[in-house]
Structures are given as C-alpha cells and as structure tokens.
Amino acid sequence: AVLTANSDVADEYRSGKENALQYLIGQSMKESRGSGNPELLRKILIERISNGSNV
C-alpha cells in the first residue's frame, strides 16, 4: 500500500535519491502504527523497488 500510494517516491529512490527510502520506511511505520521492524521494512522495500514493483 505504501509503494502504491507513493509510487513517485519509489521512482525517486530508483533514480538515486537515498532519502526517498527513509520517507517510505517512515510511511510504513506510520501505517503499522510503529509496530513494524524498520530494518526488515528497509529490506522489503528495497527488494520490491528493485524488482520494479509498486505494490
């Protein structure tokens, strides 16, 4: 849901803006009401963005 809602930010990360990933992690933490593991979210987001997924 975070990548779908923020596909423009995912595109920014793909183009080299590292700060975009931090934003996506923050949005993921917000959606999970703070219960998410930031390091795990980071790995998942990088994997999905690298695979071209916005889901």
PDB file of N, CA and C in Angstrom:
ATOM      1  N   ALA A   1       0.820  -1.194   0.000  1.00  0.00           N
ATOM      2  CA  ALA A   1       0.000   0.000   0.000  1.00  0.00           C
ATOM      3  C   ALA A   1       0.864   1.258   0.000  1.00  0.00           C
ATOM      4  N   VAL A   2       1.975   1.208   0.738  1.00  0.00           N
ATOM      5  CA  VAL A   2       2.842   2.384   0.812  1.00  0.00           C
ATOM      6  C   VAL A   2       3.479   2.673  -0.546  1.00  0.00           C
ATOM      7  N   LEU A   3       3.945   1.640  -1.230  1.00  0.00           N
ATOM      8  CA  LEU A   3       4.559   1.855  -2.544  1.00  0.00           C
ATOM      9  C   LEU A   3       3.529   2.290  -3.577  1.00  0.00           C
ATOM     10  N   THR A   4       2.334   1.755  -3.481  1.00  0.00           N
ATOM     11  CA  THR A   4       1.278   2.141  -4.417  1.00  0.00           C
ATOM     12  C   THR A   4       0.913   3.610  -4.229  1.00  0.00           C
ATOM     13  N   ALA A   5       0.767   4.023  -2.983  1.00  0.00           N
ATOM     14  CA  ALA A   5       0.376   5.395  -2.682  1.00  0.00           C
ATOM     15  C   ALA A   5       1.508   6.392  -2.928  1.00  0.00           C
ATOM     16  N   ASN A   6       2.739   5.895  -2.948  1.00  0.00           N
ATOM     17  CA  ASN A   6       3.900   6.773  -3.095  1.00  0.00           C
ATOM     18  C   ASN A   6       4.798   6.331  -4.246  1.00  0.00           C
ATOM     19  N   SER A   7       4.190   5.979  -5.367  1.00  0.00           N
ATOM     20  CA  SER A   7       4.975   5.481  -6.500  1.00  0.00           C
ATOM     21  C   SER A   7       5.972   6.524  -6.999  1.00  0.00           C
ATOM     22  N   ASP A   8       5.631   7.804  -6.865  1.00  0.00           N
ATOM     23  CA  ASP A   8       6.566   8.855  -7.271  1.00  0.00           C
ATOM     24  C   ASP A   8       7.817   8.853  -6.404  1.00  0.00           C
ATOM     25  N   VAL A   9       7.643   8.561  -5.111  1.00  0.00           N
ATOM     26  CA  VAL A   9       8.786   8.498  -4.197  1.00  0.00           C
ATOM     27  C   VAL A   9       9.635   7.269  -4.509  1.00  0.00           C
ATOM     28  N   ALA A  10       8.991   6.157  -4.839  1.00  0.00           N
ATOM     29  CA  ALA A  10       9.725   4.953  -5.236  1.00  0.00           C
ATOM     30  C   ALA A  10      10.550   5.244  -6.486  1.00  0.00           C
ATOM     31  N   ASP A  11       9.997   5.999  -7.414  1.00  0.00           N
ATOM     32  CA  ASP A  11      10.735   6.377  -8.623  1.00  0.00           C
ATOM     33  C   ASP A  11      11.934   7.256  -8.279  1.00  0.00           C
ATOM     34  N   GLU A  12      11.764   8.140  -7.298  1.00  0.00           N
ATOM     35  CA  GLU A  12      12.879   8.982  -6.858  1.00  0.00           C
ATOM     36  C   GLU A  12      14.001   8.114  -6.295  1.00  0.00           C
ATOM     37  N   TYR A  13      13.643   7.100  -5.506  1.00  0.00           N
ATOM     38  CA  TYR A  13      14.661   6.200  -4.956  1.00  0.00           C
ATOM     39  C   TYR A  13      15.382   5.471  -6.084  1.00  0.00           C
ATOM     40  N   ARG A  14      14.626   4.999  -7.061  1.00  0.00           N
ATOM     41  CA  ARG A  14      15.236   4.312  -8.210  1.00  0.00           C
ATOM     42  C   ARG A  14      16.219   5.220  -8.948  1.00  0.00           C
ATOM     43  N   SER A  15      15.951   6.519  -8.951  1.00  0.00           N
ATOM     44  CA  SER A  15      16.835   7.451  -9.656  1.00  0.00           C
ATOM     45  C   SER A  15      18.000   7.915  -8.786  1.00  0.00           C
ATOM     46  N   GLY A  16      18.135   7.335  -7.586  1.00  0.00           N
ATOM     47  CA  GLY A  16      19.320   7.597  -6.773  1.00  0.00           C
ATOM     48  C   GLY A  16      19.128   8.429  -5.522  1.00  0.00           C
ATOM     49  N   LYS A  17      17.922   8.849  -5.229  1.00  0.00           N
ATOM     50  CA  LYS A  17      17.689   9.664  -4.035  1.00  0.00           C
ATOM     51  C   LYS A  17      17.479   8.752  -2.823  1.00  0.00           C
ATOM     52  N   GLU A  18      18.544   8.586  -2.033  1.00  0.00           N
ATOM     53  CA  GLU A  18      18.512   7.691  -0.874  1.00  0.00           C
ATOM     54  C   GLU A  18      17.485   8.142   0.171  1.00  0.00           C
ATOM     55  N   ASN A  19      17.277   9.449   0.297  1.00  0.00           N
ATOM     56  CA  ASN A  19      16.331   9.955   1.294  1.00  0.00           C
ATOM     57  C   ASN A  19      14.910   9.479   1.037  1.00  0.00           C
ATOM     58  N   ALA A  20      14.613   9.162  -0.203  1.00  0.00           N
ATOM     59  CA  ALA A  20      13.272   8.687  -0.546  1.00  0.00           C
ATOM     60  C   ALA A  20      12.965   7.381   0.177  1.00  0.00           C
ATOM     61  N   LEU A  21      13.977   6.540   0.353  1.00  0.00           N
ATOM     62  CA  LEU A  21      13.768   5.271   1.054  1.00  0.00           C
ATOM     63  C   LEU A  21      13.397   5.527   2.511  1.00  0.00           C
ATOM     64  N   GLN A  22      14.059   6.488   3.142  1.00  0.00           N
ATOM     65  CA  GLN A  22      13.747   6.826   4.533  1.00  0.00           C
ATOM     66  C   GLN A  22      12.295   7.282   4.660  1.00  0.00           C
ATOM     67  N   TYR A  23      11.841   8.053   3.688  1.00  0.00           N
ATOM     68  CA  TYR A  23      10.448   8.508   3.688  1.00  0.00           C
ATOM     69  C   TYR A  23       9.501   7.315   3.609  1.00  0.00           C
ATOM     70  N   LEU A  24       9.805   6.372   2.721  1.00  0.00           N
ATOM     71  CA  LEU A  24       8.948   5.194   2.561  1.00  0.00           C
ATOM     72  C   LEU A  24       8.942   4.341   3.827  1.00  0.00           C
ATOM     73  N   ILE A  25      10.090   4.225   4.480  1.00  0.00           N
ATOM     74  CA  ILE A  25      10.155   3.480   5.743  1.00  0.00           C
ATOM     75  C   ILE A  25       9.290   4.186   6.785  1.00  0.00           C
ATOM     76  N   GLY A  26       9.381   5.499   6.836  1.00  0.00           N
ATOM     77  CA  GLY A  26       8.562   6.277   7.770  1.00  0.00           C
ATOM     78  C   GLY A  26       7.076   6.091   7.524  1.00  0.00           C
ATOM     79  N   GLN A  27       6.682   6.092   6.263  1.00  0.00           N
ATOM     80  CA  GLN A  27       5.276   5.881   5.928  1.00  0.00           C
ATOM     81  C   GLN A  27       4.831   4.468   6.304  1.00  0.00           C
ATOM     82  N   SER A  28       5.726   3.503   6.128  1.00  0.00           N
ATOM     83  CA  SER A  28       5.409   2.119   6.507  1.00  0.00           C
ATOM     84  C   SER A  28       5.240   2.002   8.014  1.00  0.00           C
ATOM     85  N   MET A  29       6.100   2.680   8.761  1.00  0.00           N
ATOM     86  CA  MET A  29       5.990   2.667  10.221  1.00  0.00           C
ATOM     87  C   MET A  29       4.683   3.332  10.655  1.00  0.00           C
ATOM     88  N   LYS A  30       4.313   4.398   9.971  1.00  0.00           N
ATOM     89  CA  LYS A  30       3.061   5.093  10.279  1.00  0.00           C
ATOM     90  C   LYS A  30       1.874   4.161  10.048  1.00  0.00           C
ATOM     91  N   GLU A  31       1.884   3.446   8.909  1.00  0.00           N
ATOM     92  CA  GLU A  31       0.791   2.514   8.588  1.00  0.00           C
ATOM     93  C   GLU A  31       0.695   1.389   9.615  1.00  0.00           C
ATOM     94  N   SER A  32       1.857   0.943  10.113  1.00  0.00           N
ATOM     95  CA  SER A  32       1.868  -0.165  11.075  1.00  0.00           C
ATOM     96  C   SER A  32       1.729   0.338  12.512  1.00  0.00           C
ATOM     97  N   ARG A  33       1.501   1.636  12.657  1.00  0.00           N
ATOM     98  CA  ARG A  33       1.367   2.271  13.973  1.00  0.00           C
ATOM     99  C   ARG A  33       2.579   1.981  14.863  1.00  0.00           C
ATOM    100  N   GLY A  34       3.757   2.004  14.242  1.00  0.00           N
ATOM    101  CA  GLY A  34       5.001   1.847  14.986  1.00  0.00           C
ATOM    102  C   GLY A  34       5.393   0.428  15.316  1.00  0.00           C
ATOM    103  N   SER A  35       4.607  -0.539  14.871  1.00  0.00           N
ATOM    104  CA  SER A  35       4.904  -1.923  15.243  1.00  0.00           C
ATOM    105  C   SER A  35       5.796  -2.630  14.227  1.00  0.00           C
ATOM    106  N   GLY A  36       6.142  -1.961  13.137  1.00  0.00           N
ATOM    107  CA  GLY A  36       6.986  -2.578  12.117  1.00  0.00           C
ATOM    108  C   GLY A  36       8.451  -2.561  12.511  1.00  0.00           C
ATOM    109  N   ASN A  37       9.210  -3.481  11.971  1.00  0.00           N
ATOM    110  CA  ASN A  37      10.649  -3.531  12.179  1.00  0.00           C
ATOM    111  C   ASN A  37      11.294  -2.712  11.062  1.00  0.00           C
ATOM    112  N   PRO A  38      11.888  -1.553  11.394  1.00  0.00           N
ATOM    113  CA  PRO A  38      12.419  -0.675  10.348  1.00  0.00           C
ATOM    114  C   PRO A  38      13.460  -1.352   9.447  1.00  0.00           C
ATOM    115  N   GLU A  39      14.320  -2.185  10.014  1.00  0.00           N
ATOM    116  CA  GLU A  39      15.345  -2.841   9.200  1.00  0.00           C
ATOM    117  C   GLU A  39      14.721  -3.843   8.235  1.00  0.00           C
ATOM    118  N   LEU A  40      13.721  -4.576   8.712  1.00  0.00           N
ATOM    119  CA  LEU A  40      13.025  -5.524   7.845  1.00  0.00           C
ATOM    120  C   LEU A  40      12.248  -4.774   6.757  1.00  0.00           C
ATOM    121  N   LEU A  41      11.584  -3.691   7.142  1.00  0.00           N
ATOM    122  CA  LEU A  41      10.863  -2.876   6.162  1.00  0.00           C
ATOM    123  C   LEU A  41      11.814  -2.351   5.097  1.00  0.00           C
ATOM    124  N   ARG A  42      12.997  -1.934   5.521  1.00  0.00           N
ATOM    125  CA  ARG A  42      14.010  -1.428   4.587  1.00  0.00           C
ATOM    126  C   ARG A  42      14.353  -2.497   3.546  1.00  0.00           C
ATOM    127  N   LYS A  43      14.620  -3.711   4.017  1.00  0.00           N
ATOM    128  CA  LYS A  43      14.983  -4.805   3.112  1.00  0.00           C
ATOM    129  C   LYS A  43      13.845  -5.118   2.140  1.00  0.00           C
ATOM    130  N   ILE A  44      12.631  -5.179   2.660  1.00  0.00           N
ATOM    131  CA  ILE A  44      11.470  -5.493   1.817  1.00  0.00           C
ATOM    132  C   ILE A  44      11.248  -4.395   0.780  1.00  0.00           C
ATOM    133  N   LEU A  45      11.311  -3.141   1.217  1.00  0.00           N
ATOM    134  CA  LEU A  45      11.092  -2.029   0.287  1.00  0.00           C
ATOM    135  C   LEU A  45      12.153  -2.012  -0.811  1.00  0.00           C
ATOM    136  N   ILE A  46      13.416  -2.201  -0.440  1.00  0.00           N
ATOM    137  CA  ILE A  46      14.490  -2.213  -1.443  1.00  0.00           C
ATOM    138  C   ILE A  46      14.259  -3.336  -2.439  1.00  0.00           C
ATOM    139  N   GLU A  47      13.889  -4.508  -1.929  1.00  0.00           N
ATOM    140  CA  GLU A  47      13.650  -5.658  -2.809  1.00  0.00           C
ATOM    141  C   GLU A  47      12.511  -5.373  -3.791  1.00  0.00           C
ATOM    142  N   ARG A  48      11.416  -4.842  -3.275  1.00  0.00           N
ATOM    143  CA  ARG A  48      10.254  -4.582  -4.140  1.00  0.00           C
ATOM    144  C   ARG A  48      10.515  -3.452  -5.125  1.00  0.00           C
ATOM    145  N   ILE A  49      11.203  -2.421  -4.679  1.00  0.00           N
ATOM    146  CA  ILE A  49      11.516  -1.310  -5.580  1.00  0.00           C
ATOM    147  C   ILE A  49      12.493  -1.779  -6.659  1.00  0.00           C
ATOM    148  N   SER A  50      13.479  -2.573  -6.265  1.00  0.00           N
ATOM    149  CA  SER A  50      14.473  -3.072  -7.224  1.00  0.00           C
ATOM    150  C   SER A  50      13.841  -3.971  -8.278  1.00  0.00           C
ATOM    151  N   ASN A  51      12.796  -4.685  -7.889  1.00  0.00           N
ATOM    152  CA  ASN A  51      12.096  -5.565  -8.825  1.00  0.00           C
ATOM    153  C   ASN A  51      11.087  -4.808  -9.681  1.00  0.00           C
ATOM    154  N   GLY A  52      11.004  -3.503  -9.474  1.00  0.00           N
ATOM    155  CA  GLY A  52      10.096  -2.692 -10.272  1.00  0.00           C
ATOM    156  C   GLY A  52       8.667  -2.715  -9.781  1.00  0.00           C
ATOM    157  N   SER A  53       8.463  -3.257  -8.590  1.00  0.00           N
ATOM    158  CA  SER A  53       7.111  -3.365  -8.052  1.00  0.00           C
ATOM    159  C   SER A  53       6.728  -2.093  -7.313  1.00  0.00           C
ATOM    160  N   ASN A  54       5.495  -1.658  -7.480  1.00  0.00           N
ATOM    161  CA  ASN A  54       4.950  -0.551  -6.698  1.00  0.00           C
ATOM    162  C   ASN A  54       3.808  -1.047  -5.826  1.00  0.00           C
ATOM    163  N   VAL A  55       3.879  -2.306  -5.444  1.00  0.00           N
ATOM    164  CA  VAL A  55       2.812  -2.897  -4.622  1.00  0.00           C
ATOM    165  C   VAL A  55       3.337  -3.140  -3.234  1.00  0.00           C
TER     166      VAL A  55
END
